[in-house]
Amino acid sequence: MSETTEVTYPVSLTRKAATQIRDAIVSGRLAFGEPLSEAQLAAALGMSKAPVRGALIELREKGLVTIAPQAGTYVCAPTSEDIDKLSGFRCLIETDAMRHALVRDRERLLRVLSANIAQMAAARKTRSAPDYIVADTAFHLAFITLSGNRYLEQAYSLISGIAEALRVRLFNAGQSFRQQSFKEHVEILASLRKGDTAGAARTLKRHIMRTVELEGAVQVPSASGRRSTRRAEDYRALFPQQSDKATIDAQHSRHR
């Protein structure tokens, strides 16, 4: 085996593990503050503990995991202060990115935002929460990706995971929140079409800061000192496709 293969193989597994664990946290399958078992995650994903350990370190850098020495590893447990500071940071980044994106290619930004809202509307009709959240996330990412500023993209990448995790949980806070959220997306686009950038920025800030207003709807248990209560089968249920593949691979190995 070449030196290059030895380096890239574990990195690839780490990336895969990070993606799968991130999705489980963001979607709410793994709860805020929940203790994590490295060994159980590795078994459920069909890999050794080393890439899972690397994935958890990567997710810690993104704010989705807390690793406490001699205490354990936990899903992030954002406090009221955390949510307030995160929301304020999002306001700064997204409003600045919006202005950059408008200057760079106004018509493209409007087309993308319009398509995102159309997807949200379709998801509302079919009552598909996952589809709505995907479109909602894409709406906000459009400002960042179309800004043409890689430093804004890098800064936003540090909080995009926790922002999406909060968005998922707040989406489930109640029908009134969902209705208001959709209305504000529409208002932002309408203001931008009229050339009212200041109005769009005000609505965007109000929309983002709603996260702070509804922080009571985000249940965050204390994580300190708790151990995971999930069984092996519970972890496998978090990653069914990966677990099935691992089982098939193991069966093939036994018959070689």
Foldseek 3Di string as FASTA:
>chain_A
DDPVCVVVVLVVLLVVLLVLVLVCLLLCVFAALFFDDLCLLCLLLLHDSVSNVSSLVVVVQLQQKDQDVVQGITGHFDDLVNLQVLLVVLLVLQLVLQVLLCVQPVVVLLVLLVVLLVQLVVCVVVVPLVSNLVSLLSNSCSSVVSSPDVVSVVVCSSHSSVLSSLVNQVCPLDDVLSVVLSVLSVVLSVCSVVVNSVSSSVSVSVNSCVSSVVVVSRDHDNNTRDHHPDDSVSSNVSPVVSNVVSVVVVVVVVVD
